[in-house]
Each structure stands twice: as C-alpha cells, then as structure tokens.
Amino acid sequence: MNIDGELKNKKHILFFRVAYKDTDAGGVMYHGNYVTWAERARVGLWYLLKNDMKNDGIFVARKISAEYLAPIKLYDEIKIETEIIKIGNSSLTFRHSFIKNEKRMSKVEIVLVYINHEKFKPSRVPESWKKKFQIISNG
C-alpha cells in the first residue's frame, strides 16, 4: 500500500497503528487525535488526486463532528475509510470512519469550505476539483 493510502470502492483507505503519543492517560486514543488522523487521511487523498493547494483558494474547516462508538486502544491497527458525502457549490463534506476488525469504532464528519486567497470569502470549488472528488463521492 502507498504511504498516502489507496482509492477503493469510492473510498480512500488509510491504515495506521495507534502509537503511545495518540493515547490519553487511560490508554485509549485521545479524542483530539481523531481529527488529526482524519486530516492525515485527507492529505493522503489530496496527494492521490494530485490536487494543488497552490491554486486560487484553499479549503478551511467550517464544521467538525465526531461520534465515538467504541474505544480505540494503544497498538490497535485502524483503517480509516474516507468518503465525500456531499459536494456543494463552495463546500465538501467528508466522512471518516475509523474501523478495527471490520467494526466501525467512530466516525468524524468535516465540512470544508473553499475560500479565495485574496478576500478570504467562500468561493466556488473549481470544476476540475469537483470532477476529481467524484471518484470518492457518494453524495
């Protein structure tokens, strides 16, 4: 598998093993690290789709929600399945499912808004990018 993961069945797949730095005092993955790992998965997706962030704009987080279904512990091997559940005019909504032994342990949904570099106002997502994102879009 590529360091950036792989595209499979309209999803981006990335594996990682929970390290000591990812856990809290109770030995489970610290809640803030779900967002960190979701970001790492999206960066891998960006590289695989060959999106250049040196364009006219950037994506910024507008909304983040997380649902914890079962604990993820030190040394667990986790698969993150990333999919786009909505492509809007100026936004993308990602769902990151954290899976252990084929069981979903948690999910993180993140809405990213595309903003213009000069005005820092929402702008339309370039059509060339929308076409690339259709590869993993279910919405």
C-alpha atoms as a PDB file:
ATOM      1  CA  MET A   1       0.000   0.000   0.000  1.00  0.00           C
ATOM      2  CA  ASN A   2       1.103   3.540  -0.789  1.00  0.00           C
ATOM      3  CA  ILE A   3       2.054   5.855   2.112  1.00  0.00           C
ATOM      4  CA  ASP A   4      -0.879   8.058   1.019  1.00  0.00           C
ATOM      5  CA  GLY A   5      -3.336   5.155   1.111  1.00  0.00           C
ATOM      6  CA  GLU A   6      -5.391   3.884  -1.808  1.00  0.00           C
ATOM      7  CA  LEU A   7      -8.665   4.509  -3.607  1.00  0.00           C
ATOM      8  CA  LYS A   8     -11.065   1.572  -3.471  1.00  0.00           C
ATOM      9  CA  ASN A   9     -14.849   1.246  -3.951  1.00  0.00           C
ATOM     10  CA  LYS A  10     -15.469   5.032  -3.942  1.00  0.00           C
ATOM     11  CA  LYS A  11     -13.469   5.420  -0.710  1.00  0.00           C
ATOM     12  CA  HIS A  12      -9.986   6.457   0.296  1.00  0.00           C
ATOM     13  CA  ILE A  13      -8.363   3.879   2.589  1.00  0.00           C
ATOM     14  CA  LEU A  14      -5.515   4.620   5.011  1.00  0.00           C
ATOM     15  CA  PHE A  15      -4.133   2.309   7.710  1.00  0.00           C
ATOM     16  CA  PHE A  16      -2.305   3.276  10.886  1.00  0.00           C
ATOM     17  CA  ARG A  17      -1.313   1.758  14.202  1.00  0.00           C
ATOM     18  CA  VAL A  18      -2.178   3.652  17.385  1.00  0.00           C
ATOM     19  CA  ALA A  19       1.036   4.899  18.986  1.00  0.00           C
ATOM     20  CA  TYR A  20       1.615   5.911  22.583  1.00  0.00           C
ATOM     21  CA  LYS A  21       1.502   9.593  21.559  1.00  0.00           C
ATOM     22  CA  ASP A  22      -2.048   9.050  20.238  1.00  0.00           C
ATOM     23  CA  THR A  23      -3.431   7.905  23.602  1.00  0.00           C
ATOM     24  CA  ASP A  24      -4.576   9.556  26.806  1.00  0.00           C
ATOM     25  CA  ALA A  25      -3.861   8.542  30.416  1.00  0.00           C
ATOM     26  CA  GLY A  26      -6.474   5.782  30.138  1.00  0.00           C
ATOM     27  CA  GLY A  27      -4.673   4.091  27.249  1.00  0.00           C
ATOM     28  CA  VAL A  28      -7.330   4.919  24.662  1.00  0.00           C
ATOM     29  CA  MET A  29      -6.976   7.185  21.665  1.00  0.00           C
ATOM     30  CA  TYR A  30      -7.262  10.819  22.741  1.00  0.00           C
ATOM     31  CA  HIS A  31     -10.402  12.430  21.278  1.00  0.00           C
ATOM     32  CA  GLY A  32      -8.500  15.251  19.552  1.00  0.00           C
ATOM     33  CA  ASN A  33      -6.410  12.755  17.614  1.00  0.00           C
ATOM     34  CA  TYR A  34      -9.431  11.574  15.637  1.00  0.00           C
ATOM     35  CA  VAL A  35      -9.428  14.953  13.904  1.00  0.00           C
ATOM     36  CA  THR A  36      -5.647  14.743  13.419  1.00  0.00           C
ATOM     37  CA  TRP A  37      -5.889  11.311  11.779  1.00  0.00           C
ATOM     38  CA  ALA A  38      -8.859  12.431   9.662  1.00  0.00           C
ATOM     39  CA  GLU A  39      -6.671  15.278   8.387  1.00  0.00           C
ATOM     40  CA  ARG A  40      -3.843  12.844   7.589  1.00  0.00           C
ATOM     41  CA  ALA A  41      -6.281  10.730   5.590  1.00  0.00           C
ATOM     42  CA  ARG A  42      -7.451  13.791   3.634  1.00  0.00           C
ATOM     43  CA  VAL A  43      -3.841  14.812   2.920  1.00  0.00           C
ATOM     44  CA  GLY A  44      -3.228  11.327   1.507  1.00  0.00           C
ATOM     45  CA  LEU A  45      -6.338  11.675  -0.632  1.00  0.00           C
ATOM     46  CA  TRP A  46      -5.183  15.118  -1.834  1.00  0.00           C
ATOM     47  CA  TYR A  47      -1.866  13.643  -2.984  1.00  0.00           C
ATOM     48  CA  LEU A  48      -3.508  10.690  -4.733  1.00  0.00           C
ATOM     49  CA  LEU A  49      -5.875  13.020  -6.601  1.00  0.00           C
ATOM     50  CA  LYS A  50      -2.969  15.354  -7.380  1.00  0.00           C
ATOM     51  CA  ASN A  51      -4.763  18.449  -6.124  1.00  0.00           C
ATOM     52  CA  ASP A  52      -2.551  21.500  -5.963  1.00  0.00           C
ATOM     53  CA  MET A  53      -3.319  23.727  -2.990  1.00  0.00           C
ATOM     54  CA  LYS A  54      -1.292  26.490  -4.678  1.00  0.00           C
ATOM     55  CA  ASN A  55      -4.415  27.404  -6.626  1.00  0.00           C
ATOM     56  CA  ASP A  56      -6.571  30.499  -6.186  1.00  0.00           C
ATOM     57  CA  GLY A  57      -8.042  29.255  -2.931  1.00  0.00           C
ATOM     58  CA  ILE A  58      -7.838  26.851  -0.028  1.00  0.00           C
ATOM     59  CA  PHE A  59     -10.190  24.639   1.964  1.00  0.00           C
ATOM     60  CA  VAL A  60     -10.813  25.560   5.598  1.00  0.00           C
ATOM     61  CA  ALA A  61     -12.755  23.636   8.239  1.00  0.00           C
ATOM     62  CA  ARG A  62     -16.210  25.050   8.925  1.00  0.00           C
ATOM     63  CA  LYS A  63     -17.772  22.280  10.988  1.00  0.00           C
ATOM     64  CA  ILE A  64     -16.432  19.153  12.689  1.00  0.00           C
ATOM     65  CA  SER A  65     -18.488  16.488  14.443  1.00  0.00           C
ATOM     66  CA  ALA A  66     -17.400  13.188  15.942  1.00  0.00           C
ATOM     67  CA  GLU A  67     -19.258  10.134  17.163  1.00  0.00           C
ATOM     68  CA  TYR A  68     -17.395   7.643  19.347  1.00  0.00           C
ATOM     69  CA  LEU A  69     -18.889   4.153  19.216  1.00  0.00           C
ATOM     70  CA  ALA A  70     -16.177   2.039  20.892  1.00  0.00           C
ATOM     71  CA  PRO A  71     -12.706   2.732  22.310  1.00  0.00           C
ATOM     72  CA  ILE A  72      -9.606   2.583  20.148  1.00  0.00           C
ATOM     73  CA  LYS A  73      -6.599   1.475  22.195  1.00  0.00           C
ATOM     74  CA  LEU A  74      -2.815   1.563  22.121  1.00  0.00           C
ATOM     75  CA  TYR A  75      -1.342  -0.591  19.306  1.00  0.00           C
ATOM     76  CA  ASP A  76      -4.715  -1.156  17.596  1.00  0.00           C
ATOM     77  CA  GLU A  77      -4.479  -1.341  13.808  1.00  0.00           C
ATOM     78  CA  ILE A  78      -7.040   1.043  12.381  1.00  0.00           C
ATOM     79  CA  LYS A  79      -8.379   1.519   8.879  1.00  0.00           C
ATOM     80  CA  ILE A  80      -9.733   4.972   8.030  1.00  0.00           C
ATOM     81  CA  GLU A  81     -12.291   4.943   5.227  1.00  0.00           C
ATOM     82  CA  THR A  82     -12.819   8.429   3.824  1.00  0.00           C
ATOM     83  CA  GLU A  83     -15.688   9.335   1.552  1.00  0.00           C
ATOM     84  CA  ILE A  84     -17.260  12.548   0.385  1.00  0.00           C
ATOM     85  CA  ILE A  85     -20.919  12.562   1.334  1.00  0.00           C
ATOM     86  CA  LYS A  86     -21.758  15.949  -0.198  1.00  0.00           C
ATOM     87  CA  ILE A  87     -20.255  18.212  -2.834  1.00  0.00           C
ATOM     88  CA  GLY A  88     -21.692  21.714  -2.584  1.00  0.00           C
ATOM     89  CA  ASN A  89     -21.005  24.836  -4.615  1.00  0.00           C
ATOM     90  CA  SER A  90     -18.346  26.040  -2.181  1.00  0.00           C
ATOM     91  CA  SER A  91     -18.019  23.119   0.231  1.00  0.00           C
ATOM     92  CA  LEU A  92     -17.184  19.443   0.640  1.00  0.00           C
ATOM     93  CA  THR A  93     -18.461  17.195   3.419  1.00  0.00           C
ATOM     94  CA  PHE A  94     -16.177  14.299   4.341  1.00  0.00           C
ATOM     95  CA  ARG A  95     -16.975  11.257   6.465  1.00  0.00           C
ATOM     96  CA  HIS A  96     -14.016   9.459   8.042  1.00  0.00           C
ATOM     97  CA  SER A  97     -14.884   6.048   9.510  1.00  0.00           C
ATOM     98  CA  PHE A  98     -12.361   4.542  11.938  1.00  0.00           C
ATOM     99  CA  ILE A  99     -12.569   0.760  11.603  1.00  0.00           C
ATOM    100  CA  LYS A 100     -10.999  -2.033  13.666  1.00  0.00           C
ATOM    101  CA  ASN A 101     -11.511  -5.662  12.605  1.00  0.00           C
ATOM    102  CA  GLU A 102     -14.293  -4.568  10.227  1.00  0.00           C
ATOM    103  CA  LYS A 103     -16.194  -2.832  13.062  1.00  0.00           C
ATOM    104  CA  ARG A 104     -16.742   0.922  12.929  1.00  0.00           C
ATOM    105  CA  MET A 105     -15.310   2.356  16.141  1.00  0.00           C
ATOM    106  CA  SER A 106     -16.002   6.021  15.414  1.00  0.00           C
ATOM    107  CA  LYS A 107     -16.754   8.490  12.668  1.00  0.00           C
ATOM    108  CA  VAL A 108     -15.736  12.071  12.076  1.00  0.00           C
ATOM    109  CA  GLU A 109     -17.599  14.343   9.666  1.00  0.00           C
ATOM    110  CA  ILE A 110     -15.932  17.525   8.484  1.00  0.00           C
ATOM    111  CA  VAL A 111     -17.331  20.290   6.292  1.00  0.00           C
ATOM    112  CA  LEU A 112     -14.623  22.155   4.395  1.00  0.00           C
ATOM    113  CA  VAL A 113     -15.336  25.456   2.648  1.00  0.00           C
ATOM    114  CA  TYR A 114     -13.326  26.663  -0.321  1.00  0.00           C
ATOM    115  CA  ILE A 115     -12.202  30.260   0.193  1.00  0.00           C
ATOM    116  CA  ASN A 116     -10.492  32.780  -2.058  1.00  0.00           C
ATOM    117  CA  HIS A 117      -6.876  33.612  -1.128  1.00  0.00           C
ATOM    118  CA  GLU A 118      -7.316  37.349  -1.628  1.00  0.00           C
ATOM    119  CA  LYS A 119     -10.676  38.070   0.017  1.00  0.00           C
ATOM    120  CA  PHE A 120     -10.918  35.087   2.363  1.00  0.00           C
ATOM    121  CA  LYS A 121     -14.554  34.668   1.336  1.00  0.00           C
ATOM    122  CA  PRO A 122     -16.279  31.451   0.228  1.00  0.00           C
ATOM    123  CA  SER A 123     -15.810  30.742  -3.474  1.00  0.00           C
ATOM    124  CA  ARG A 124     -16.978  28.072  -5.878  1.00  0.00           C
ATOM    125  CA  VAL A 125     -14.992  24.858  -5.807  1.00  0.00           C
ATOM    126  CA  PRO A 126     -13.187  24.678  -9.176  1.00  0.00           C
ATOM    127  CA  GLU A 127     -14.946  22.291 -11.585  1.00  0.00           C
ATOM    128  CA  SER A 128     -11.670  20.448 -12.200  1.00  0.00           C
ATOM    129  CA  TRP A 129     -11.509  19.636  -8.483  1.00  0.00           C
ATOM    130  CA  LYS A 130     -15.176  18.623  -8.302  1.00  0.00           C
ATOM    131  CA  LYS A 131     -14.557  16.085 -11.070  1.00  0.00           C
ATOM    132  CA  LYS A 132     -11.648  14.590  -9.132  1.00  0.00           C
ATOM    133  CA  PHE A 133     -13.697  14.389  -5.932  1.00  0.00           C
ATOM    134  CA  GLN A 134     -16.466  12.469  -7.740  1.00  0.00           C
ATOM    135  CA  ILE A 135     -14.121   9.458  -7.548  1.00  0.00           C
ATOM    136  CA  ILE A 136     -14.966   9.030  -3.849  1.00  0.00           C
ATOM    137  CA  SER A 137     -18.296  10.836  -3.666  1.00  0.00           C
ATOM    138  CA  ASN A 138     -21.457   9.096  -2.545  1.00  0.00           C
ATOM    139  CA  GLY A 139     -23.477  12.298  -2.384  1.00  0.00           C
END
